Amino acid sequence: MSEAPKTSTPIEIPIIGIKNFRSTCFANSVFQILCSQRALIKYLKVVEPTTETPYTFALKKMLKPLLESKTPGIIRESIDPPEEMRKIIIDLQTESGQRQMDAGEFYTTVINALHVESLKIQKPEETQEEDDDGWEEVGEKSKKISLRTEKSDGKSCVSEVFRGKTRMTTTTVDAKKKANKAVFQDFYIFSVPLQKGKDCCKTTNECYNLATSRRVEGNIVQTLSIEEFPKVLVLQFNRFIYDRVQLKVVKITDHVSFEETLSLKVGKKSVNYKLSVVVEHRGNNIGRGHYVAYVRRGPNWFFCNDEQIIKTDFTEVRNAMAYLLVYSN
């Protein structure tokens, strides 16, 4: 009797601390997100960056200890960001006018840069993308809906993993007055609103439902939905809002519960995700405070505070005041 073929289980990605050199905890938390995505790690191992792809070059050089490691677990020697990565971060800090950048903004900048640079590496025919401009679809009650897609710069091996697409549908009560339309837009982060005090959503699903709920203004109804779910979904809680009474930006500190799994549905579409990273912002000022990350490796969770890596459990993780939730499917 022949033995059943053995299925190989992928080795868990090692985990490594990163030195904070210039109020760069926001960057370190984002690097932990990137280090947790197997597809990106696989890409960095084989890609050959050049001077024309500075972000890819700097990231691959910085993550060399992790990329070359053959064993899972914590790597004892922490990463000291190389000069190329330091320059990228310092330039972005200078451009933003503050040392403590928003982690979500930094994430979007880095991922988009990796995407754009990967287009330079790929063959031209691999970067083509369909254009929906000028198309029509038939909506409810046979109403025609014009479709428009925001200009995109093509598909890459990076965008295939990290980029999704939203659909903003605008309909009218009286179709004779205004044509119905739908606008599609790419995203790397899906922002979910929060409200202060008793009106604040208590769960991630409630926040998502609020973000995608119908909004009525006069005879116009707008609905936001996710048209294409990314393989890596990053949810950002809008914790910083402008307070009209205090006349300044304040932080919403209400706790929003989340689980290790997330199921989202839009019409007949559904997708199941598993939580891989939680980024927490500690402090009340958007330009200050401190970012930390909780990272999953297999069944285990780790607390990442710059160079410090400590094994923890999900009981502690779920108590975090989440700012970014990173889900993979």
Protein backbone atom coordinates (compact mmCIF):
# COMPACT_ATOMS: atom_id res chain seq x y z
CA MET A 1 0.00 0.00 0.00
CA SER A 2 1.52 3.33 -1.03
CA GLU A 3 1.78 6.17 1.44
CA ALA A 4 -0.32 9.27 0.98
CA PRO A 5 1.73 12.22 -0.34
CA LYS A 6 3.01 14.49 2.39
CA THR A 7 1.98 18.12 2.32
CA SER A 8 4.71 20.50 3.38
CA THR A 9 3.78 23.19 5.87
CA PRO A 10 5.43 26.56 5.10
CA ILE A 11 7.99 27.61 7.70
CA GLU A 12 6.74 30.57 9.73
CA ILE A 13 8.40 33.88 8.91
CA PRO A 14 10.96 34.81 11.60
CA ILE A 15 10.29 37.90 13.69
CA ILE A 16 12.87 40.60 14.37
CA GLY A 17 13.11 43.88 16.27
CA ILE A 18 13.94 47.17 14.55
CA LYS A 19 15.95 50.02 16.06
CA ASN A 20 14.29 53.41 16.51
CA PHE A 21 16.72 56.04 15.23
CA ARG A 22 14.65 59.24 14.89
CA SER A 23 11.18 58.91 16.39
CA THR A 24 10.60 56.13 13.86
CA CYS A 25 8.23 53.89 15.82
CA PHE A 26 5.58 54.65 13.18
CA ALA A 27 7.86 53.19 10.51
CA ASN A 28 8.86 50.20 12.63
CA SER A 29 5.22 49.24 13.17
CA VAL A 30 4.64 49.36 9.41
CA PHE A 31 7.75 47.28 8.76
CA GLN A 32 6.29 44.63 11.08
CA ILE A 33 3.19 44.60 8.85
CA LEU A 34 5.34 44.07 5.77
CA CYS A 35 7.43 41.38 7.47
CA SER A 36 4.25 39.44 8.22
CA GLN A 37 3.13 39.07 4.60
CA ARG A 38 4.48 35.88 3.04
CA ALA A 39 3.88 37.04 -0.54
CA LEU A 40 5.96 40.19 -0.02
CA ILE A 41 8.77 38.27 1.70
CA LYS A 42 8.82 35.83 -1.21
CA TYR A 43 8.98 38.74 -3.67
CA LEU A 44 11.84 40.45 -1.82
CA LYS A 45 13.85 37.24 -1.81
CA VAL A 46 13.88 37.00 -5.61
CA VAL A 47 13.64 40.61 -6.82
CA GLU A 48 16.81 42.36 -7.95
CA PRO A 49 16.33 46.06 -7.18
CA THR A 50 18.42 48.82 -8.74
CA THR A 51 19.02 52.53 -8.17
CA GLU A 52 15.76 53.12 -10.08
CA THR A 53 13.84 51.24 -7.37
CA PRO A 54 15.08 52.91 -4.15
CA TYR A 55 12.27 51.72 -1.83
CA THR A 56 12.63 48.10 -2.92
CA PHE A 57 16.41 48.34 -2.67
CA ALA A 58 16.33 49.87 0.83
CA LEU A 59 13.70 47.45 2.15
CA LYS A 60 15.48 44.36 0.83
CA LYS A 61 18.78 45.56 2.27
CA MET A 62 17.20 46.34 5.65
CA LEU A 63 15.41 42.99 5.91
CA LYS A 64 18.43 40.93 4.83
CA PRO A 65 18.75 39.13 8.23
CA LEU A 66 15.10 38.07 8.05
CA LEU A 67 15.19 37.13 4.36
CA GLU A 68 18.26 34.92 4.86
CA SER A 69 17.07 33.24 8.07
CA LYS A 70 16.27 29.54 7.73
CA THR A 71 14.54 29.07 11.08
CA PRO A 72 11.33 30.52 12.57
CA GLY A 73 11.12 32.33 15.89
CA ILE A 74 12.71 35.49 17.21
CA ILE A 75 15.96 36.66 15.60
CA ARG A 76 18.13 37.92 18.45
CA GLU A 77 20.00 40.61 16.55
CA SER A 78 17.71 43.56 15.84
CA ILE A 79 17.74 45.44 12.56
CA ASP A 80 19.60 48.74 12.30
CA PRO A 81 18.00 50.52 9.30
CA PRO A 82 20.62 51.13 6.58
CA GLU A 83 21.46 54.57 5.29
CA GLU A 84 19.19 54.13 2.25
CA MET A 85 16.13 53.50 4.43
CA ARG A 86 17.08 56.25 6.86
CA LYS A 87 17.17 58.74 4.00
CA ILE A 88 13.72 57.66 2.77
CA ILE A 89 12.22 58.05 6.25
CA ILE A 90 13.93 61.38 6.99
CA ASP A 91 12.85 62.80 3.63
CA LEU A 92 9.24 61.77 4.32
CA GLN A 93 9.40 63.27 7.82
CA THR A 94 10.72 66.52 6.37
CA GLU A 95 8.04 66.56 3.69
CA SER A 96 5.25 65.96 6.23
CA GLY A 97 6.62 68.59 8.59
CA GLN A 98 6.70 66.28 11.61
CA ARG A 99 8.92 63.51 12.91
CA GLN A 100 6.02 61.41 14.13
CA MET A 101 4.25 60.54 10.89
CA ASP A 102 0.91 58.78 10.75
CA ALA A 103 1.52 55.02 10.47
CA GLY A 104 -1.31 54.60 7.97
CA GLU A 105 0.08 57.35 5.76
CA PHE A 106 3.56 55.81 5.88
CA TYR A 107 2.17 52.37 5.04
CA THR A 108 0.33 53.69 1.99
CA THR A 109 3.41 55.59 0.81
CA VAL A 110 5.69 52.55 1.09
CA ILE A 111 3.28 50.05 -0.48
CA ASN A 112 2.48 52.37 -3.37
CA ALA A 113 6.20 52.99 -3.94
CA LEU A 114 6.88 49.24 -3.99
CA HIS A 115 4.01 48.85 -6.46
CA VAL A 116 5.26 51.60 -8.77
CA GLU A 117 8.80 50.23 -8.64
CA SER A 118 7.62 46.70 -9.37
CA LEU A 119 6.02 48.02 -12.57
CA LYS A 120 9.50 49.03 -13.73
CA ILE A 121 10.74 45.51 -13.10
CA GLN A 122 7.82 43.68 -14.74
CA LYS A 123 7.31 43.28 -18.47
CA PRO A 124 5.01 45.96 -20.00
CA GLU A 125 2.30 43.45 -20.96
CA GLU A 126 2.06 42.36 -17.32
CA THR A 127 0.99 45.83 -16.17
CA GLN A 128 -2.11 46.34 -18.29
CA GLU A 129 -5.43 46.91 -16.59
CA GLU A 130 -8.97 46.98 -17.86
CA ASP A 131 -10.77 50.29 -18.12
CA ASP A 132 -14.46 50.44 -17.17
CA ASP A 133 -14.99 54.05 -18.30
CA GLY A 134 -18.03 54.44 -20.53
CA TRP A 135 -19.63 51.13 -19.56
CA GLU A 136 -23.14 50.83 -18.21
CA GLU A 137 -24.83 48.28 -16.00
CA VAL A 138 -28.47 47.76 -15.17
CA GLY A 139 -29.33 48.40 -11.53
CA GLU A 140 -32.48 47.99 -9.49
CA LYS A 141 -35.77 48.55 -11.30
CA SER A 142 -33.86 48.47 -14.63
CA LYS A 143 -32.17 51.80 -13.97
CA LYS A 144 -28.97 52.23 -15.95
CA ILE A 145 -25.86 53.06 -13.96
CA SER A 146 -22.86 54.66 -15.69
CA LEU A 147 -19.52 53.28 -14.54
CA ARG A 148 -16.33 55.30 -14.10
CA THR A 149 -12.97 54.07 -12.86
CA GLU A 150 -10.44 56.44 -11.33
CA LYS A 151 -7.19 56.40 -13.31
CA SER A 152 -4.94 53.51 -12.28
CA ASP A 153 -1.29 52.89 -13.07
CA GLY A 154 -1.67 49.19 -13.76
CA LYS A 155 -1.37 45.93 -11.88
CA SER A 156 1.76 44.53 -10.27
CA CYS A 157 2.67 41.61 -8.05
CA VAL A 158 2.46 44.09 -5.15
CA SER A 159 -0.95 45.56 -6.00
CA GLU A 160 -2.33 42.04 -6.59
CA VAL A 161 -1.83 41.40 -2.86
CA PHE A 162 -2.30 44.75 -1.14
CA ARG A 163 -4.70 46.75 -3.30
CA GLY A 164 -8.47 46.61 -3.30
CA LYS A 165 -11.14 48.62 -5.06
CA THR A 166 -14.10 50.54 -3.66
CA ARG A 167 -17.34 51.36 -5.41
CA MET A 168 -19.18 54.59 -4.63
CA THR A 169 -22.71 54.31 -6.03
CA THR A 170 -24.78 57.46 -6.36
CA THR A 171 -28.49 57.05 -7.06
CA THR A 172 -31.39 59.47 -7.13
CA VAL A 173 -34.98 59.26 -5.95
CA ASP A 174 -36.13 60.74 -9.27
CA ALA A 175 -33.98 59.27 -12.04
CA LYS A 176 -35.29 61.87 -14.51
CA LYS A 177 -33.37 64.62 -12.76
CA LYS A 178 -29.97 62.97 -12.58
CA ALA A 179 -28.31 59.89 -14.02
CA ASN A 180 -27.17 57.20 -11.63
CA LYS A 181 -23.47 56.47 -11.54
CA ALA A 182 -20.83 54.34 -9.87
CA VAL A 183 -17.20 55.39 -9.35
CA PHE A 184 -14.48 52.82 -8.69
CA GLN A 185 -11.33 53.76 -6.79
CA ASP A 186 -8.25 51.80 -5.71
CA PHE A 187 -7.26 51.66 -2.04
CA TYR A 188 -4.50 50.23 0.15
CA ILE A 189 -6.18 51.18 3.43
CA PHE A 190 -9.92 51.10 4.11
CA SER A 191 -10.83 53.82 6.60
CA VAL A 192 -13.62 53.16 9.07
CA PRO A 193 -15.25 56.01 11.03
CA LEU A 194 -15.50 56.31 14.78
CA GLN A 195 -17.77 58.50 16.86
CA LYS A 196 -17.14 59.78 20.36
CA GLY A 197 -18.69 58.42 23.53
CA LYS A 198 -21.86 56.35 23.55
CA ASP A 199 -22.25 56.70 19.76
CA CYS A 200 -18.92 55.00 19.09
CA CYS A 201 -19.08 51.62 17.36
CA LYS A 202 -18.18 48.77 19.69
CA THR A 203 -17.01 46.16 17.17
CA THR A 204 -15.05 46.07 13.92
CA ASN A 205 -18.10 44.85 12.01
CA GLU A 206 -20.17 47.77 13.34
CA CYS A 207 -17.48 50.19 12.12
CA TYR A 208 -17.40 48.53 8.71
CA ASN A 209 -21.19 48.61 8.46
CA LEU A 210 -21.16 52.32 9.33
CA ALA A 211 -18.55 53.02 6.63
CA THR A 212 -20.62 51.18 4.03
CA SER A 213 -24.07 52.39 5.14
CA ARG A 214 -26.32 54.49 2.88
CA ARG A 215 -25.93 58.25 3.14
CA VAL A 216 -28.87 60.41 2.14
CA GLU A 217 -28.62 64.07 1.19
CA GLY A 218 -31.75 65.49 -0.34
CA ASN A 219 -32.79 63.23 -3.21
CA ILE A 220 -29.28 61.76 -3.56
CA VAL A 221 -28.29 58.47 -1.94
CA GLN A 222 -24.64 57.38 -1.79
CA THR A 223 -23.39 53.93 -0.85
CA LEU A 224 -19.75 52.90 -0.43
CA SER A 225 -18.79 49.25 -0.80
CA ILE A 226 -15.73 47.14 -1.47
CA GLU A 227 -15.90 45.96 -5.07
CA GLU A 228 -12.64 43.99 -4.98
CA PHE A 229 -11.32 42.63 -1.68
CA PRO A 230 -7.52 42.68 -1.37
CA LYS A 231 -5.63 39.64 -0.15
CA VAL A 232 -4.25 41.83 2.64
CA LEU A 233 -6.94 44.10 4.07
CA VAL A 234 -5.81 47.00 6.27
CA LEU A 235 -8.53 48.72 8.30
CA GLN A 236 -7.71 52.10 9.80
CA PHE A 237 -9.87 53.46 12.60
CA ASN A 238 -10.33 57.21 12.22
CA ARG A 239 -9.37 58.00 15.81
CA PHE A 240 -8.24 61.56 15.15
CA ILE A 241 -11.03 64.06 14.45
CA TYR A 242 -11.40 67.83 14.55
CA ASP A 243 -13.37 68.90 17.63
CA ARG A 244 -15.45 72.00 16.81
CA VAL A 245 -15.81 72.85 20.51
CA GLN A 246 -12.13 72.55 21.46
CA LEU A 247 -11.08 73.83 18.00
CA LYS A 248 -8.35 71.23 17.67
CA VAL A 249 -7.71 67.65 16.60
CA VAL A 250 -8.56 65.19 19.37
CA LYS A 251 -8.22 61.44 19.68
CA ILE A 252 -11.15 59.06 20.14
CA THR A 253 -9.96 56.62 22.79
CA ASP A 254 -12.98 54.30 22.87
CA HIS A 255 -12.12 50.63 22.61
CA VAL A 256 -13.31 48.76 19.52
CA SER A 257 -13.38 44.99 19.88
CA PHE A 258 -11.96 42.72 17.19
CA GLU A 259 -11.49 39.01 16.70
CA GLU A 260 -8.85 36.83 15.05
CA THR A 261 -11.19 36.21 12.13
CA LEU A 262 -13.28 38.60 10.06
CA SER A 263 -16.01 37.79 7.55
CA LEU A 264 -17.23 40.54 5.22
CA LYS A 265 -20.05 40.42 2.71
CA VAL A 266 -21.14 42.71 -0.09
CA GLY A 267 -24.20 41.38 -1.87
CA LYS A 268 -23.37 37.85 -2.94
CA LYS A 269 -19.66 38.38 -2.39
CA SER A 270 -18.02 37.28 0.85
CA VAL A 271 -14.46 36.88 2.03
CA ASN A 272 -12.92 35.46 5.19
CA TYR A 273 -9.84 37.01 6.74
CA LYS A 274 -7.47 36.12 9.55
CA LEU A 275 -5.88 38.78 11.72
CA SER A 276 -2.10 39.05 11.27
CA VAL A 277 -1.07 42.41 12.77
CA VAL A 278 -2.52 45.01 15.14
CA VAL A 279 -0.92 48.45 15.29
CA GLU A 280 -1.65 50.55 18.35
CA HIS A 281 -1.02 54.27 18.82
CA ARG A 282 -0.35 55.20 22.44
CA GLY A 283 -0.85 58.81 23.43
CA ASN A 284 -3.40 61.51 22.61
CA ASN A 285 -1.54 63.62 20.03
CA ILE A 286 -1.39 62.60 16.38
CA GLY A 287 2.06 64.17 16.03
CA ARG A 288 3.48 62.53 19.13
CA GLY A 289 2.83 59.40 21.15
CA HIS A 290 4.24 55.96 20.38
CA TYR A 291 3.39 53.16 17.96
CA VAL A 292 3.66 49.46 18.82
CA ALA A 293 2.58 46.35 16.96
CA TYR A 294 1.19 42.94 17.85
CA VAL A 295 2.19 40.33 15.30
CA ARG A 296 0.92 36.80 14.72
CA ARG A 297 3.12 33.90 13.72
CA GLY A 298 1.10 30.72 13.38
CA PRO A 299 -0.88 30.29 16.63
CA ASN A 300 1.45 32.63 18.55
CA TRP A 301 1.34 36.38 19.12
CA PHE A 302 4.28 38.71 19.73
CA PHE A 303 4.46 42.25 21.10
CA CYS A 304 6.80 44.42 19.00
CA ASN A 305 8.06 47.65 20.54
CA ASP A 306 10.87 48.76 18.24
CA GLU A 307 13.79 46.47 19.19
CA GLN A 308 11.85 44.72 21.94
CA ILE A 309 10.06 41.49 21.00
CA ILE A 310 8.01 39.69 23.67
CA LYS A 311 5.78 36.67 23.25
CA THR A 312 2.22 37.36 24.36
CA ASP A 313 -1.29 35.99 23.82
CA PHE A 314 -4.46 37.16 22.13
CA THR A 315 -6.05 38.05 25.47
CA GLU A 316 -3.58 40.93 25.72
CA VAL A 317 -3.76 41.73 22.02
CA ARG A 318 -7.53 42.21 22.03
CA ASN A 319 -7.20 44.82 24.79
CA ALA A 320 -5.15 47.07 22.51
CA MET A 321 -6.59 50.38 21.35
CA ALA A 322 -6.28 49.36 17.71
CA TYR A 323 -5.36 51.98 15.12
CA LEU A 324 -4.62 49.61 12.23
CA LEU A 325 -5.95 46.07 11.86
CA VAL A 326 -4.25 43.95 9.22
CA TYR A 327 -6.14 40.92 7.92
CA SER A 328 -4.93 38.31 5.42
CA ASN A 329 -6.87 35.68 3.51
